[in-house]
Amino acid sequence: MTLLNPSELNMYRRRFLCALYKLAKGLMDKPVDADKVFKEMDIGSFSGIEKEATDNLVEDAILNEYVKRENGREIILTTDGVQWCMRECNS
């Protein structure tokens, strides 16, 4: 079972990916800790369940082929992820 429903995933996807894009400095192969990305989003409504919410957002981004897992909790943007972020985060 996932913590975030489809509506919430849609709502937070942009914030999560744009935070990753910012932390990765727009680079495709720069690993970033997923928990740092979630913290960068600055959402207080998940107090105590941040890890689960982060995992849901990471899984959503992987399914959409915007990110890939690296070592541990690190993720990197894919080519599609960088292109999506260039469209959505710079507007």
N, C-alpha and C. Protein backbone atom coordinates (compact mmCIF):
# COMPACT_ATOMS: atom_id res chain seq x y z
N MET A 1 0.84 -1.19 0.00
CA MET A 1 0.00 0.00 0.00
C MET A 1 0.89 1.25 0.00
N THR A 2 0.46 2.25 -0.73
CA THR A 2 1.22 3.48 -0.78
C THR A 2 0.61 4.53 0.15
N LEU A 3 1.45 5.38 0.63
CA LEU A 3 1.01 6.45 1.52
C LEU A 3 0.26 7.53 0.75
N LEU A 4 0.79 7.88 -0.43
CA LEU A 4 0.20 8.95 -1.23
C LEU A 4 -0.76 8.38 -2.27
N ASN A 5 -1.92 8.98 -2.39
CA ASN A 5 -2.87 8.54 -3.41
C ASN A 5 -2.49 9.20 -4.75
N PRO A 6 -3.08 8.76 -5.86
CA PRO A 6 -2.71 9.33 -7.17
C PRO A 6 -2.84 10.85 -7.25
N SER A 7 -3.84 11.41 -6.62
CA SER A 7 -4.02 12.86 -6.63
C SER A 7 -2.86 13.55 -5.92
N GLU A 8 -2.45 13.00 -4.79
CA GLU A 8 -1.33 13.59 -4.04
C GLU A 8 -0.02 13.43 -4.81
N LEU A 9 0.17 12.28 -5.46
CA LEU A 9 1.38 12.09 -6.27
C LEU A 9 1.45 13.14 -7.37
N ASN A 10 0.34 13.39 -8.03
CA ASN A 10 0.32 14.42 -9.07
C ASN A 10 0.63 15.79 -8.49
N MET A 11 0.11 16.06 -7.30
CA MET A 11 0.30 17.36 -6.67
C MET A 11 1.77 17.59 -6.26
N TYR A 12 2.42 16.54 -5.75
CA TYR A 12 3.78 16.69 -5.23
C TYR A 12 4.87 16.33 -6.24
N ARG A 13 4.52 15.70 -7.36
CA ARG A 13 5.52 15.27 -8.35
C ARG A 13 6.37 16.44 -8.81
N ARG A 14 5.72 17.53 -9.18
CA ARG A 14 6.46 18.69 -9.70
C ARG A 14 7.41 19.25 -8.65
N ARG A 15 6.93 19.39 -7.44
CA ARG A 15 7.80 19.94 -6.38
C ARG A 15 8.99 19.03 -6.13
N PHE A 16 8.76 17.72 -6.12
CA PHE A 16 9.84 16.77 -5.86
C PHE A 16 10.87 16.81 -6.98
N LEU A 17 10.41 16.71 -8.22
CA LEU A 17 11.35 16.68 -9.34
C LEU A 17 12.08 18.02 -9.51
N CYS A 18 11.40 19.11 -9.27
CA CYS A 18 12.06 20.42 -9.37
C CYS A 18 13.08 20.61 -8.25
N ALA A 19 12.80 20.08 -7.06
CA ALA A 19 13.77 20.12 -5.97
C ALA A 19 15.00 19.28 -6.33
N LEU A 20 14.78 18.11 -6.91
CA LEU A 20 15.89 17.26 -7.36
C LEU A 20 16.70 17.98 -8.43
N TYR A 21 16.03 18.58 -9.38
CA TYR A 21 16.69 19.31 -10.46
C TYR A 21 17.58 20.43 -9.90
N LYS A 22 17.06 21.13 -8.92
CA LYS A 22 17.83 22.21 -8.29
C LYS A 22 19.06 21.65 -7.57
N LEU A 23 18.86 20.59 -6.77
CA LEU A 23 19.98 20.02 -6.02
C LEU A 23 21.01 19.36 -6.93
N ALA A 24 20.56 18.81 -8.05
CA ALA A 24 21.47 18.19 -9.02
C ALA A 24 22.08 19.22 -9.96
N LYS A 25 21.70 20.47 -9.78
CA LYS A 25 22.18 21.57 -10.61
C LYS A 25 21.90 21.32 -12.10
N GLY A 26 20.77 20.66 -12.35
CA GLY A 26 20.35 20.40 -13.73
C GLY A 26 21.13 19.30 -14.44
N LEU A 27 21.99 18.59 -13.70
CA LEU A 27 22.83 17.57 -14.32
C LEU A 27 22.19 16.19 -14.23
N MET A 28 22.32 15.44 -15.31
CA MET A 28 21.68 14.13 -15.38
C MET A 28 22.37 13.10 -14.49
N ASP A 29 23.68 13.11 -14.40
CA ASP A 29 24.40 12.05 -13.70
C ASP A 29 24.86 12.44 -12.30
N LYS A 30 24.23 13.43 -11.69
CA LYS A 30 24.63 13.86 -10.35
C LYS A 30 23.73 13.20 -9.30
N PRO A 31 24.27 12.25 -8.52
CA PRO A 31 23.45 11.58 -7.50
C PRO A 31 23.08 12.54 -6.37
N VAL A 32 21.83 12.43 -5.92
CA VAL A 32 21.33 13.26 -4.83
C VAL A 32 20.55 12.35 -3.88
N ASP A 33 20.72 12.54 -2.59
CA ASP A 33 20.00 11.76 -1.60
C ASP A 33 18.51 12.12 -1.66
N ALA A 34 17.66 11.11 -1.80
CA ALA A 34 16.22 11.33 -1.93
C ALA A 34 15.64 12.06 -0.73
N ASP A 35 16.18 11.79 0.47
CA ASP A 35 15.68 12.46 1.67
C ASP A 35 16.01 13.95 1.65
N LYS A 36 17.15 14.31 1.07
CA LYS A 36 17.49 15.73 0.93
C LYS A 36 16.53 16.42 -0.04
N VAL A 37 16.15 15.70 -1.08
CA VAL A 37 15.20 16.26 -2.05
C VAL A 37 13.88 16.54 -1.35
N PHE A 38 13.40 15.57 -0.56
CA PHE A 38 12.14 15.76 0.15
C PHE A 38 12.23 16.94 1.12
N LYS A 39 13.35 17.04 1.81
CA LYS A 39 13.54 18.16 2.75
C LYS A 39 13.54 19.49 2.02
N GLU A 40 14.11 19.52 0.83
CA GLU A 40 14.15 20.74 0.01
C GLU A 40 12.74 21.19 -0.38
N MET A 41 11.81 20.24 -0.47
CA MET A 41 10.42 20.57 -0.81
C MET A 41 9.75 21.39 0.29
N ASP A 42 10.24 21.25 1.52
CA ASP A 42 9.74 22.01 2.68
C ASP A 42 8.24 21.81 2.89
N ILE A 43 7.86 20.54 3.02
CA ILE A 43 6.47 20.19 3.31
C ILE A 43 6.38 19.70 4.74
N GLY A 44 5.61 20.36 5.56
CA GLY A 44 5.51 19.98 6.97
C GLY A 44 4.42 18.98 7.28
N SER A 45 3.57 18.67 6.32
CA SER A 45 2.40 17.84 6.61
C SER A 45 2.71 16.35 6.73
N PHE A 46 3.97 15.95 6.54
CA PHE A 46 4.32 14.53 6.62
C PHE A 46 5.22 14.23 7.82
N SER A 47 5.11 15.01 8.85
CA SER A 47 5.96 14.84 10.03
C SER A 47 5.85 13.42 10.57
N GLY A 48 7.01 12.76 10.67
CA GLY A 48 7.06 11.41 11.19
C GLY A 48 6.96 10.33 10.12
N ILE A 49 6.51 10.68 8.95
CA ILE A 49 6.39 9.69 7.87
C ILE A 49 7.07 10.20 6.59
N GLU A 50 8.11 11.01 6.78
CA GLU A 50 8.82 11.58 5.65
C GLU A 50 9.43 10.51 4.76
N LYS A 51 10.02 9.47 5.36
CA LYS A 51 10.68 8.42 4.58
C LYS A 51 9.68 7.71 3.66
N GLU A 52 8.51 7.40 4.19
CA GLU A 52 7.49 6.72 3.38
C GLU A 52 7.00 7.61 2.24
N ALA A 53 6.78 8.89 2.53
CA ALA A 53 6.35 9.82 1.49
C ALA A 53 7.43 9.97 0.42
N THR A 54 8.69 10.06 0.87
CA THR A 54 9.81 10.14 -0.07
C THR A 54 9.86 8.91 -0.95
N ASP A 55 9.71 7.73 -0.35
CA ASP A 55 9.74 6.48 -1.12
C ASP A 55 8.63 6.45 -2.16
N ASN A 56 7.45 6.93 -1.81
CA ASN A 56 6.34 6.98 -2.77
C ASN A 56 6.67 7.88 -3.95
N LEU A 57 7.25 9.04 -3.67
CA LEU A 57 7.60 9.98 -4.73
C LEU A 57 8.72 9.43 -5.61
N VAL A 58 9.68 8.75 -5.01
CA VAL A 58 10.77 8.14 -5.78
C VAL A 58 10.21 7.06 -6.69
N GLU A 59 9.36 6.19 -6.15
CA GLU A 59 8.77 5.12 -6.96
C GLU A 59 7.96 5.69 -8.13
N ASP A 60 7.20 6.75 -7.86
CA ASP A 60 6.44 7.41 -8.92
C ASP A 60 7.37 7.93 -10.01
N ALA A 61 8.47 8.57 -9.60
CA ALA A 61 9.42 9.13 -10.56
C ALA A 61 10.12 8.03 -11.36
N ILE A 62 10.39 6.89 -10.72
CA ILE A 62 11.00 5.76 -11.42
C ILE A 62 10.02 5.18 -12.43
N LEU A 63 8.77 5.00 -12.03
CA LEU A 63 7.75 4.48 -12.95
C LEU A 63 7.56 5.37 -14.17
N ASN A 64 7.70 6.68 -13.97
CA ASN A 64 7.58 7.63 -15.07
C ASN A 64 8.90 7.81 -15.83
N GLU A 65 9.92 7.08 -15.39
CA GLU A 65 11.25 7.10 -16.01
C GLU A 65 11.93 8.46 -15.94
N TYR A 66 11.65 9.21 -14.86
CA TYR A 66 12.30 10.50 -14.64
C TYR A 66 13.56 10.38 -13.81
N VAL A 67 13.66 9.32 -13.01
CA VAL A 67 14.85 9.11 -12.17
C VAL A 67 15.23 7.63 -12.18
N LYS A 68 16.47 7.39 -11.76
CA LYS A 68 16.97 6.03 -11.53
C LYS A 68 17.58 6.00 -10.14
N ARG A 69 17.56 4.83 -9.53
CA ARG A 69 18.22 4.66 -8.23
C ARG A 69 19.71 4.52 -8.44
N GLU A 70 20.45 5.05 -7.49
CA GLU A 70 21.89 4.87 -7.46
C GLU A 70 22.21 4.05 -6.22
N ASN A 71 23.20 4.43 -5.45
CA ASN A 71 23.57 3.71 -4.23
C ASN A 71 22.71 4.16 -3.06
N GLY A 72 22.25 3.20 -2.27
CA GLY A 72 21.46 3.53 -1.08
C GLY A 72 20.22 4.31 -1.45
N ARG A 73 20.08 5.51 -0.87
CA ARG A 73 18.89 6.33 -1.12
C ARG A 73 19.16 7.43 -2.15
N GLU A 74 20.27 7.30 -2.88
CA GLU A 74 20.58 8.29 -3.90
C GLU A 74 19.81 8.00 -5.18
N ILE A 75 19.40 9.08 -5.84
CA ILE A 75 18.71 8.99 -7.12
C ILE A 75 19.38 9.95 -8.10
N ILE A 76 19.21 9.67 -9.39
CA ILE A 76 19.73 10.58 -10.41
C ILE A 76 18.63 10.82 -11.45
N LEU A 77 18.65 11.98 -12.05
CA LEU A 77 17.72 12.29 -13.13
C LEU A 77 18.11 11.51 -14.38
N THR A 78 17.12 11.05 -15.12
CA THR A 78 17.34 10.44 -16.43
C THR A 78 17.28 11.55 -17.48
N THR A 79 17.53 11.19 -18.71
CA THR A 79 17.40 12.16 -19.81
C THR A 79 15.98 12.71 -19.85
N ASP A 80 14.99 11.80 -19.75
CA ASP A 80 13.58 12.24 -19.74
C ASP A 80 13.30 13.15 -18.54
N GLY A 81 13.90 12.82 -17.40
CA GLY A 81 13.70 13.63 -16.20
C GLY A 81 14.25 15.04 -16.36
N VAL A 82 15.45 15.14 -16.93
CA VAL A 82 16.03 16.47 -17.16
C VAL A 82 15.17 17.27 -18.12
N GLN A 83 14.72 16.62 -19.20
CA GLN A 83 13.88 17.32 -20.17
C GLN A 83 12.56 17.77 -19.54
N TRP A 84 11.95 16.90 -18.71
CA TRP A 84 10.70 17.27 -18.03
C TRP A 84 10.95 18.47 -17.12
N CYS A 85 12.05 18.43 -16.38
CA CYS A 85 12.36 19.52 -15.44
C CYS A 85 12.64 20.82 -16.18
N MET A 86 13.33 20.73 -17.32
CA MET A 86 13.60 21.95 -18.09
C MET A 86 12.30 22.60 -18.53
N ARG A 87 11.30 21.78 -18.86
CA ARG A 87 9.98 22.32 -19.27
C ARG A 87 9.19 22.84 -18.07
N GLU A 88 9.14 22.05 -17.00
CA GLU A 88 8.22 22.32 -15.89
C GLU A 88 8.79 23.20 -14.78
N CYS A 89 10.10 23.15 -14.57
CA CYS A 89 10.68 23.86 -13.42
C CYS A 89 11.16 25.26 -13.75
N ASN A 90 11.37 25.53 -15.01
CA ASN A 90 11.87 26.85 -15.41
C ASN A 90 10.77 27.77 -15.92
N SER A 91 9.52 27.33 -15.78
CA SER A 91 8.43 28.15 -16.31
C SER A 91 7.82 29.02 -15.23
